[in-house]
Amino acid sequence: MIFCIEHLMRNTRSLKKGAFAYQTKPYNPEEIKATLRRAVAVKALAVKAETAESALSESEDRYRRQNAALLALTRTEALQTADLWTALRQISEVDANTLGVERVSFWRLNEDRTAIRCVDLYELSANRHSSGQELIAGNYPAYFRALPQSDLVAADDAHRDPRTSEFSESYLTPLGITSMMDVPVSLNGVLVGVLCHEHVGPARQWTPDEQTFALAMASLAALTVGQWERQRAEDALRESEERFRQVAENIREVFWMTDPEKKQMIYVSPAYADIWGRSCESLYASPRSWLDAIHPDDRTRVLEAALTRQASGEYDEEYRIVRPDGAIRWIHDRAFPIRDHSGKVYRIAGIAACITERKQAQEALRRAYDKMEKILASLPGAILIVDQEQQVVYANPLAEQHFGSGRSRLVGSSVSDVLPVIASQWHRLINGLKTSDVQDENRQHDGEFEAQKRA
């Protein structure tokens, strides 16, 4: 009895120290084999569990590092201020250090989509940035086809992967690259670049958490590029608006812009106040108040033309306005449509110029012509006025009687058909007039006016 108790206690101590099982005498060989098989299986499961636990722990460590890196990166000033070049340098550095990748780079697709150009390359071991290399799409067609079709190109064996094997001889081998993980970068669904991870050394299998981190870094790159492009577009718009403002506010003509229905005055230049004698603010408040200033005899015609012809670009009108001080001004107003991306007219822009001086000059010229015609008609002789092309442009009533032809037939005919003057005589006459004109011009007493008067 004592022996049995001691034997049981010894077996219990063995189990506590890690023994898998025990056998009692007499031993059964088959039972021993089965016990050993169970022991080996349990040990294998234990090893697998330990390996899985270690891998899980490593994955959790990587996940914590990746999260911390992303959080720190999103708080950097460069990403907040859309400083593209600094932001991309920081992204490539953080990416390379977090994943332990020798080469991380951002490449930008050119406008005609025939090549990608390296904007920034960071080399981890040398802690060095560089840029400028270009890869032509025609040399690597499979890779360029894969980019817009994939969320991520993970090539554990870059030399054999069909998407990256084209780089083997000219790019991968000289640089010692064995594995690649490239993430296409898109803006509004359009491919604009690629974030590349290039591992140097033994081939590397990219883990799921590393691929997820690479996708997140590519999203940050896309966000940075998008912010930079928006900032650049806003800067260009501000510059354009400033140039427009400088031009519009310094020209004598009125530049204006409205909606097609004439319900909103979007812009009117300061010249409006000078010409119309009314403030720009009053026009913004009442977009059709410019019509109130139009002379009553012209208003209906101009309003109809504005509503029916401006959207087609056929609006070209001359009309009179009455200023608050009672002065009348002549206006030459033109308009043209502005279309959106779909071709729909959404703005009407135009230029209104004051042509009062021109109208006054035309009226003065008409009165002078009428006066001249009365004088020529009263002279006791036939008078023809001939232009430089030897065409009759005026004939007084005595000329009609003298040549026995009506004014309508004389005006427009060649002088040689009217006057019995041979060509050589006519040329001598004209040359004599030209010589006299030149001499007059050389006298420095407003010779140009004298020459024009003689002609």
Protein backbone atom coordinates (compact mmCIF):
# COMPACT_ATOMS: atom_id res chain seq x y z
CA MET A 1 0.00 0.00 0.00
CA ILE A 2 2.84 2.38 0.94
CA PHE A 3 4.62 1.57 -2.34
CA CYS A 4 1.52 2.39 -4.41
CA ILE A 5 1.07 5.72 -2.64
CA GLU A 6 4.72 6.68 -3.24
CA HIS A 7 4.43 5.67 -6.92
CA LEU A 8 1.30 7.83 -7.36
CA MET A 9 2.96 10.82 -5.70
CA ARG A 10 6.02 10.46 -7.99
CA ASN A 11 3.81 10.44 -11.08
CA THR A 12 1.96 13.52 -9.85
CA ARG A 13 5.25 15.40 -9.34
CA SER A 14 6.33 14.45 -12.88
CA LEU A 15 3.11 15.81 -14.38
CA LYS A 16 3.57 19.04 -12.48
CA LYS A 17 7.07 19.40 -13.93
CA GLY A 18 5.74 19.08 -17.49
CA ALA A 19 5.37 15.38 -18.17
CA PHE A 20 2.69 14.75 -20.81
CA ALA A 21 1.53 11.34 -19.43
CA TYR A 22 2.75 8.31 -17.56
CA GLN A 23 2.51 4.54 -17.96
CA THR A 24 2.20 1.94 -15.30
CA LYS A 25 3.76 -1.49 -15.40
CA PRO A 26 3.45 -3.70 -17.21
CA TYR A 27 4.04 -1.36 -20.20
CA ASN A 28 1.93 -1.72 -23.36
CA PRO A 29 4.08 -0.82 -26.46
CA GLU A 30 1.07 0.29 -28.52
CA GLU A 31 -0.19 2.46 -25.73
CA ILE A 32 3.28 4.01 -25.39
CA LYS A 33 3.35 4.82 -29.15
CA ALA A 34 -0.08 6.40 -29.02
CA THR A 35 0.94 8.46 -26.02
CA LEU A 36 4.10 9.64 -27.79
CA ARG A 37 2.10 10.61 -30.89
CA ARG A 38 -0.26 12.64 -28.77
CA ALA A 39 2.69 14.28 -27.06
CA VAL A 40 4.27 15.28 -30.40
CA ALA A 41 0.97 16.69 -31.70
CA VAL A 42 0.42 18.72 -28.53
CA LYS A 43 3.97 20.05 -28.74
CA ALA A 44 3.44 21.03 -32.39
CA LEU A 45 0.27 22.85 -31.47
CA ALA A 46 2.10 24.62 -28.70
CA VAL A 47 4.86 25.69 -31.08
CA LYS A 48 2.28 26.92 -33.60
CA ALA A 49 0.44 28.80 -30.91
CA GLU A 50 3.68 30.36 -29.71
CA THR A 51 4.62 31.31 -33.30
CA ALA A 52 1.18 32.75 -33.95
CA GLU A 53 1.33 34.68 -30.69
CA SER A 54 4.74 36.06 -31.64
CA ALA A 55 3.56 36.99 -35.11
CA LEU A 56 0.48 38.64 -33.63
CA SER A 57 2.64 40.59 -31.22
CA GLU A 58 4.92 41.72 -34.05
CA SER A 59 1.90 42.69 -36.15
CA GLU A 60 0.49 44.70 -33.25
CA ASP A 61 3.83 46.46 -32.83
CA ARG A 62 3.94 47.31 -36.53
CA TYR A 63 0.33 48.50 -36.39
CA ARG A 64 1.11 50.79 -33.43
CA ARG A 65 4.18 52.21 -35.22
CA GLN A 66 2.22 52.74 -38.42
CA ASN A 67 -0.65 54.46 -36.63
CA ALA A 68 1.75 56.70 -34.72
CA ALA A 69 3.58 57.58 -37.95
CA LEU A 70 0.36 58.45 -39.77
CA LEU A 71 -0.90 60.54 -36.87
CA ALA A 72 2.36 62.47 -36.59
CA LEU A 73 2.51 63.01 -40.35
CA THR A 74 -1.00 64.43 -40.60
CA ARG A 75 -0.07 67.05 -38.01
CA THR A 76 2.98 68.36 -39.86
CA GLU A 77 2.92 71.95 -41.08
CA ALA A 78 3.76 70.98 -44.66
CA LEU A 79 0.56 68.94 -45.03
CA GLN A 80 -1.48 71.65 -43.38
CA THR A 81 -0.17 74.41 -45.67
CA ALA A 82 -0.12 72.41 -48.94
CA ASP A 83 3.66 72.78 -49.25
CA LEU A 84 3.89 70.05 -51.90
CA TRP A 85 7.63 69.45 -52.10
CA THR A 86 8.23 69.48 -48.33
CA ALA A 87 5.18 67.30 -47.72
CA LEU A 88 6.24 64.68 -50.26
CA ARG A 89 9.73 64.56 -48.77
CA GLN A 90 8.25 63.98 -45.31
CA ILE A 91 5.87 61.32 -46.63
CA SER A 92 8.69 59.37 -48.30
CA GLU A 93 10.91 59.60 -45.20
CA VAL A 94 8.22 58.48 -42.76
CA ASP A 95 7.13 55.72 -45.13
CA ALA A 96 10.64 54.33 -45.55
CA ASN A 97 11.48 54.47 -41.83
CA THR A 98 8.18 52.94 -40.71
CA LEU A 99 8.25 50.02 -43.15
CA GLY A 100 12.04 49.65 -43.23
CA VAL A 101 12.11 50.02 -47.02
CA GLU A 102 15.35 51.19 -48.65
CA ARG A 103 13.78 53.28 -51.41
CA VAL A 104 10.46 55.17 -51.29
CA SER A 105 9.56 57.61 -54.05
CA PHE A 106 6.68 59.61 -55.49
CA TRP A 107 6.32 59.79 -59.28
CA ARG A 108 4.04 62.18 -61.19
CA LEU A 109 2.32 61.27 -64.45
CA ASN A 110 2.91 63.82 -67.22
CA GLU A 111 0.08 65.62 -69.00
CA ASP A 112 0.00 63.39 -72.07
CA ARG A 113 0.26 60.29 -69.84
CA THR A 114 3.28 58.92 -71.66
CA ALA A 115 5.75 58.92 -68.76
CA ILE A 116 6.17 59.27 -65.01
CA ARG A 117 8.77 61.58 -63.52
CA CYS A 118 10.29 61.19 -60.06
CA VAL A 119 9.30 64.14 -57.88
CA ASP A 120 11.09 62.81 -54.79
CA LEU A 121 13.12 59.68 -54.00
CA TYR A 122 14.25 58.95 -50.43
CA GLU A 123 17.03 56.39 -49.81
CA LEU A 124 16.89 55.13 -46.24
CA SER A 125 20.49 53.98 -45.69
CA ALA A 126 21.99 57.15 -47.15
CA ASN A 127 19.29 59.47 -45.71
CA ARG A 128 19.26 61.20 -49.10
CA HIS A 129 16.63 62.79 -51.35
CA SER A 130 16.84 63.08 -55.13
CA SER A 131 14.51 63.60 -58.11
CA GLY A 132 14.32 63.93 -61.86
CA GLN A 133 14.42 60.38 -63.21
CA GLU A 134 11.82 59.61 -65.89
CA LEU A 135 10.30 56.31 -66.99
CA ILE A 136 8.69 56.15 -70.43
CA ALA A 137 5.39 54.26 -70.69
CA GLY A 138 6.34 52.75 -74.04
CA ASN A 139 9.28 50.94 -72.42
CA TYR A 140 7.15 49.38 -69.64
CA PRO A 141 3.66 48.81 -71.10
CA ALA A 142 2.57 46.06 -68.68
CA TYR A 143 3.38 48.20 -65.65
CA PHE A 144 1.62 51.29 -67.01
CA ARG A 145 -1.43 49.17 -67.87
CA ALA A 146 -1.53 47.77 -64.34
CA LEU A 147 -1.48 51.14 -62.56
CA PRO A 148 -4.99 52.41 -63.44
CA GLN A 149 -6.41 48.89 -63.01
CA SER A 150 -5.06 48.20 -59.51
CA ASP A 151 -5.40 49.63 -56.02
CA LEU A 152 -1.94 48.31 -55.22
CA VAL A 153 0.83 46.49 -57.12
CA ALA A 154 2.54 44.19 -54.58
CA ALA A 155 5.33 42.29 -56.33
CA ASP A 156 7.17 40.09 -53.79
CA ASP A 157 9.42 38.88 -56.61
CA ALA A 158 9.67 41.96 -58.81
CA HIS A 159 11.90 40.20 -61.37
CA ARG A 160 9.25 37.57 -62.11
CA ASP A 161 5.98 39.38 -61.45
CA PRO A 162 4.51 40.10 -64.95
CA ARG A 163 3.55 43.62 -63.89
CA THR A 164 7.11 44.60 -62.91
CA SER A 165 9.41 42.16 -64.72
CA GLU A 166 9.97 44.71 -67.53
CA PHE A 167 12.09 46.73 -65.06
CA SER A 168 14.40 43.79 -64.29
CA GLU A 169 17.33 44.48 -66.60
CA SER A 170 17.34 48.27 -66.82
CA TYR A 171 16.16 49.27 -63.34
CA LEU A 172 15.83 46.52 -60.74
CA THR A 173 19.12 44.67 -61.23
CA PRO A 174 21.42 47.74 -61.31
CA LEU A 175 19.86 49.03 -58.08
CA GLY A 176 19.62 45.65 -56.32
CA ILE A 177 15.84 45.86 -55.98
CA THR A 178 14.11 42.54 -55.39
CA SER A 179 10.58 43.44 -54.24
CA MET A 180 8.24 46.30 -55.14
CA MET A 181 5.02 47.65 -53.68
CA ASP A 182 3.57 50.50 -55.75
CA VAL A 183 0.34 52.35 -55.00
CA PRO A 184 -1.41 54.37 -57.75
CA VAL A 185 -2.33 57.90 -56.64
CA SER A 186 -5.57 59.30 -58.09
CA LEU A 187 -7.48 62.57 -57.87
CA ASN A 188 -11.20 62.54 -58.62
CA GLY A 189 -10.82 59.10 -60.18
CA VAL A 190 -7.97 60.18 -62.47
CA LEU A 191 -4.49 58.67 -62.11
CA VAL A 192 -1.94 61.41 -61.37
CA GLY A 193 1.02 59.54 -59.94
CA VAL A 194 2.35 56.54 -58.03
CA LEU A 195 3.94 56.00 -54.60
CA CYS A 196 6.71 53.39 -54.96
CA HIS A 197 8.29 51.14 -52.32
CA GLU A 198 11.44 49.35 -53.50
CA HIS A 199 13.08 46.75 -51.23
CA VAL A 200 16.79 46.03 -51.59
CA GLY A 201 18.13 42.67 -50.40
CA PRO A 202 16.48 39.23 -50.15
CA ALA A 203 12.98 39.07 -51.63
CA ARG A 204 10.35 40.39 -49.26
CA GLN A 205 6.75 39.36 -48.73
CA TRP A 206 4.59 42.40 -48.14
CA THR A 207 2.29 41.79 -45.17
CA PRO A 208 -1.36 42.91 -45.17
CA ASP A 209 -0.70 45.63 -42.57
CA GLU A 210 2.21 46.96 -44.67
CA GLN A 211 0.00 47.09 -47.73
CA THR A 212 -2.69 48.92 -45.74
CA PHE A 213 -0.10 51.42 -44.49
CA ALA A 214 1.16 51.98 -48.04
CA LEU A 215 -2.40 52.68 -49.19
CA ALA A 216 -2.82 55.20 -46.37
CA MET A 217 0.44 56.95 -47.31
CA ALA A 218 -0.69 57.11 -50.94
CA SER A 219 -3.94 58.71 -49.77
CA LEU A 220 -1.92 61.34 -47.92
CA ALA A 221 0.11 61.94 -51.07
CA ALA A 222 -3.10 62.33 -53.09
CA LEU A 223 -4.47 64.73 -50.49
CA THR A 224 -1.27 66.79 -50.63
CA VAL A 225 -1.24 66.93 -54.43
CA GLY A 226 -4.93 67.84 -54.46
CA GLN A 227 -4.43 70.65 -51.94
CA TRP A 228 -1.46 71.94 -53.89
CA GLU A 229 -3.34 71.93 -57.19
CA ARG A 230 -6.31 73.70 -55.60
CA GLN A 231 -3.96 76.26 -54.08
CA ARG A 232 -2.25 76.76 -57.42
CA ALA A 233 -5.63 77.16 -59.16
CA GLU A 234 -6.76 79.66 -56.52
CA ASP A 235 -3.51 81.62 -56.88
CA ALA A 236 -3.89 81.64 -60.66
CA LEU A 237 -7.51 82.76 -60.29
CA ARG A 238 -6.51 85.57 -57.94
CA GLU A 239 -3.78 86.70 -60.33
CA SER A 240 -6.20 86.54 -63.24
CA GLU A 241 -8.81 88.49 -61.30
CA GLU A 242 -6.22 91.08 -60.33
CA ARG A 243 -5.10 91.49 -63.94
CA PHE A 244 -8.72 91.73 -65.03
CA ARG A 245 -9.45 94.30 -62.34
CA GLN A 246 -6.45 96.40 -63.34
CA VAL A 247 -7.53 96.36 -66.97
CA ALA A 248 -11.25 96.82 -66.35
CA GLU A 249 -10.77 99.66 -63.90
CA ASN A 250 -8.39 101.59 -66.10
CA ILE A 251 -10.02 101.40 -69.54
CA ARG A 252 -12.34 104.15 -70.74
CA GLU A 253 -14.97 101.65 -71.87
CA VAL A 254 -17.51 100.04 -69.55
CA PHE A 255 -16.97 96.31 -69.07
CA TRP A 256 -20.06 94.56 -67.75
CA MET A 257 -21.28 91.04 -66.97
CA THR A 258 -24.81 89.81 -66.23
CA ASP A 259 -26.83 86.63 -66.07
CA PRO A 260 -28.70 85.74 -69.30
CA GLU A 261 -32.07 86.87 -67.86
CA LYS A 262 -30.70 90.32 -66.91
CA LYS A 263 -31.80 89.81 -63.31
CA GLN A 264 -28.29 90.09 -61.83
CA MET A 265 -25.46 92.49 -62.53
CA ILE A 266 -22.40 90.40 -61.77
CA TYR A 267 -19.79 93.05 -62.56
CA VAL A 268 -19.56 96.56 -63.99
CA SER A 269 -16.35 98.56 -64.28
CA PRO A 270 -15.93 102.05 -62.74
CA ALA A 271 -16.21 103.69 -66.17
CA TYR A 272 -19.97 103.20 -65.85
CA ALA A 273 -20.16 105.99 -63.29
CA ASP A 274 -18.17 108.34 -65.57
CA ILE A 275 -20.24 107.67 -68.70
CA TRP A 276 -23.75 107.07 -67.30
CA GLY A 277 -23.37 109.55 -64.45
CA ARG A 278 -24.82 106.97 -62.07
CA SER A 279 -23.05 104.91 -59.40
CA CYS A 280 -22.04 101.28 -59.92
CA GLU A 281 -23.75 100.45 -56.61
CA SER A 282 -27.07 101.63 -57.99
CA LEU A 283 -26.67 99.26 -60.96
CA TYR A 284 -25.85 96.31 -58.69
CA ALA A 285 -28.96 97.10 -56.64
CA SER A 286 -31.16 97.50 -59.74
CA PRO A 287 -29.62 95.53 -62.66
CA ARG A 288 -31.94 97.05 -65.27
CA SER A 289 -31.47 100.66 -64.21
CA TRP A 290 -29.03 101.17 -67.09
CA LEU A 291 -32.08 100.93 -69.38
CA ASP A 292 -33.76 103.85 -67.62
CA ALA A 293 -31.00 106.12 -68.88
CA ILE A 294 -31.50 105.17 -72.54
CA HIS A 295 -33.18 107.78 -74.69
CA PRO A 296 -36.91 107.01 -75.00
CA ASP A 297 -36.61 106.78 -78.80
CA ASP A 298 -33.96 104.01 -78.49
CA ARG A 299 -35.08 102.14 -75.37
CA THR A 300 -37.51 99.62 -76.86
CA ARG A 301 -35.11 98.64 -79.65
CA VAL A 302 -32.17 98.18 -77.26
CA LEU A 303 -34.16 96.18 -74.70
CA GLU A 304 -35.45 93.80 -77.36
CA ALA A 305 -31.95 93.34 -78.79
CA ALA A 306 -30.49 92.74 -75.32
CA LEU A 307 -33.00 90.01 -74.52
CA THR A 308 -32.93 88.26 -77.90
CA ARG A 309 -29.48 88.74 -79.40
CA GLN A 310 -26.94 88.89 -76.59
CA ALA A 311 -26.99 85.12 -75.90
CA SER A 312 -26.19 84.42 -79.56
CA GLY A 313 -23.33 86.91 -79.72
CA GLU A 314 -25.14 89.07 -82.32
CA TYR A 315 -25.75 92.05 -80.06
CA ASP A 316 -24.09 95.20 -81.48
CA GLU A 317 -26.07 98.38 -80.83
CA GLU A 318 -25.62 102.13 -80.89
CA TYR A 319 -27.95 104.20 -78.75
CA ARG A 320 -28.24 107.41 -76.79
CA ILE A 321 -28.37 107.81 -73.01
CA VAL A 322 -29.52 110.81 -71.00
CA ARG A 323 -27.35 111.56 -67.97
CA PRO A 324 -28.86 112.92 -64.75
CA ASP A 325 -27.46 116.37 -65.70
CA GLY A 326 -29.42 116.22 -68.96
CA ALA A 327 -26.40 115.66 -71.20
CA ILE A 328 -26.82 113.17 -74.04
CA ARG A 329 -24.14 110.58 -74.72
CA TRP A 330 -23.88 108.15 -77.62
CA ILE A 331 -23.04 104.53 -76.69
CA HIS A 332 -21.70 101.64 -78.79
CA ASP A 333 -22.63 98.47 -76.89
CA ARG A 334 -21.51 94.93 -77.77
CA ALA A 335 -22.03 91.61 -75.98
CA PHE A 336 -20.94 87.99 -76.20
CA PRO A 337 -22.05 84.81 -74.38
CA ILE A 338 -19.97 82.85 -71.86
CA ARG A 339 -20.68 79.11 -71.77
CA ASP A 340 -20.11 76.46 -69.11
CA HIS A 341 -18.50 73.05 -69.68
CA SER A 342 -21.76 71.70 -71.11
CA GLY A 343 -22.06 74.52 -73.63
CA LYS A 344 -24.92 76.28 -71.84
CA VAL A 345 -24.81 80.09 -71.72
CA TYR A 346 -24.59 81.13 -68.06
CA ARG A 347 -23.07 84.61 -68.34
CA ILE A 348 -23.32 87.55 -70.75
CA ALA A 349 -20.34 89.90 -70.95
CA GLY A 350 -20.04 93.08 -72.92
CA ILE A 351 -18.23 96.35 -73.57
CA ALA A 352 -19.99 99.70 -73.84
CA ALA A 353 -17.95 102.55 -75.29
CA CYS A 354 -18.84 106.23 -75.34
CA ILE A 355 -18.77 107.34 -79.00
CA THR A 356 -20.19 110.82 -78.45
CA GLU A 357 -17.10 112.55 -79.85
CA ARG A 358 -17.17 110.34 -82.93
CA LYS A 359 -20.86 111.05 -83.48
CA GLN A 360 -20.23 114.76 -83.05
CA ALA A 361 -17.36 114.60 -85.53
CA GLN A 362 -19.55 112.74 -88.01
CA GLU A 363 -22.27 115.35 -87.63
CA ALA A 364 -19.75 118.14 -88.07
CA LEU A 365 -18.38 116.43 -91.17
CA ARG A 366 -21.89 116.02 -92.57
CA ARG A 367 -22.64 119.69 -92.05
CA ALA A 368 -19.32 120.66 -93.61
CA TYR A 369 -20.02 118.41 -96.59
CA ASP A 370 -23.46 119.92 -97.02
CA LYS A 371 -21.91 123.38 -96.88
CA MET A 372 -19.20 122.42 -99.36
CA GLU A 373 -21.74 120.92 -101.70
CA LYS A 374 -23.77 124.15 -101.63
CA ILE A 375 -20.64 126.15 -102.40
CA LEU A 376 -19.59 123.87 -105.27
CA ALA A 377 -23.10 123.88 -106.65
CA SER A 378 -23.10 127.68 -106.73
CA LEU A 379 -19.81 128.03 -108.63
CA PRO A 380 -20.07 129.02 -112.34
CA GLY A 381 -18.28 126.00 -113.72
CA ALA A 382 -18.30 122.20 -113.99
CA ILE A 383 -16.48 120.60 -111.03
CA LEU A 384 -15.45 116.97 -110.61
CA ILE A 385 -13.76 115.53 -107.50
CA VAL A 386 -11.54 112.50 -108.26
CA ASP A 387 -9.96 110.07 -105.80
CA GLN A 388 -6.50 108.48 -106.03
CA GLU A 389 -7.87 105.59 -108.07
CA GLN A 390 -8.98 108.11 -110.72
CA GLN A 391 -12.65 107.53 -109.90
CA VAL A 392 -15.13 110.39 -109.86
CA VAL A 393 -16.57 110.80 -106.36
CA TYR A 394 -18.45 114.12 -106.84
CA ALA A 395 -19.97 116.12 -109.68
CA ASN A 396 -21.76 119.45 -109.25
CA PRO A 397 -24.95 120.27 -111.21
CA LEU A 398 -23.03 122.22 -113.92
CA ALA A 399 -20.84 119.16 -114.48
CA GLU A 400 -23.98 117.17 -115.19
CA GLN A 401 -25.03 119.77 -117.76
CA HIS A 402 -21.56 120.09 -119.25
CA PHE A 403 -20.98 116.36 -119.72
CA GLY A 404 -24.59 115.60 -120.54
CA SER A 405 -24.81 112.86 -117.96
CA GLY A 406 -26.59 112.49 -114.65
CA ARG A 407 -24.69 112.56 -111.38
CA SER A 408 -25.42 108.87 -110.80
CA ARG A 409 -23.54 107.99 -113.99
CA LEU A 410 -20.66 110.38 -113.41
CA VAL A 411 -19.97 109.37 -109.81
CA GLY A 412 -18.08 106.08 -109.82
CA SER A 413 -16.88 106.30 -113.42
CA SER A 414 -13.23 106.63 -114.43
CA VAL A 415 -12.00 110.15 -115.04
CA SER A 416 -10.54 109.03 -118.38
CA ASP A 417 -14.07 108.11 -119.50
CA VAL A 418 -15.32 111.58 -118.64
CA LEU A 419 -12.47 113.94 -119.54
CA PRO A 420 -10.80 113.83 -122.98
CA VAL A 421 -7.38 113.65 -121.36
CA ILE A 422 -4.85 111.09 -122.55
CA ALA A 423 -3.21 108.88 -119.93
CA SER A 424 0.20 110.60 -120.15
CA GLN A 425 -1.37 114.02 -119.50
CA TRP A 426 -3.30 112.69 -116.50
CA HIS A 427 -0.18 111.12 -115.01
CA ARG A 428 1.77 114.37 -115.42
CA LEU A 429 -1.04 116.21 -113.66
CA ILE A 430 -1.09 113.75 -110.74
CA ASN A 431 2.72 113.69 -110.46
CA GLY A 432 2.73 117.46 -110.38
CA LEU A 433 0.26 117.46 -107.52
CA LYS A 434 2.34 114.87 -105.62
CA THR A 435 5.52 116.91 -106.11
CA SER A 436 3.73 119.99 -104.85
CA ASP A 437 2.49 118.02 -101.83
CA VAL A 438 6.02 116.85 -100.95
CA GLN A 439 7.35 120.38 -101.20
CA ASP A 440 4.57 121.60 -98.95
CA GLU A 441 5.32 118.86 -96.42
CA ASN A 442 8.98 119.88 -96.30
CA ARG A 443 8.01 123.42 -95.34
CA GLN A 444 7.23 122.24 -91.79
CA HIS A 445 3.92 124.16 -91.63
CA ASP A 446 1.51 121.35 -91.02
CA GLY A 447 2.51 119.86 -94.36
CA GLU A 448 0.56 116.64 -93.81
CA PHE A 449 -2.68 118.57 -93.47
CA GLU A 450 -1.84 120.63 -96.53
CA ALA A 451 -1.05 117.54 -98.60
CA GLN A 452 -4.31 115.86 -97.54
CA LYS A 453 -6.23 119.06 -98.32
CA ARG A 454 -4.72 119.28 -101.80
CA ALA A 455 -5.41 115.59 -102.50
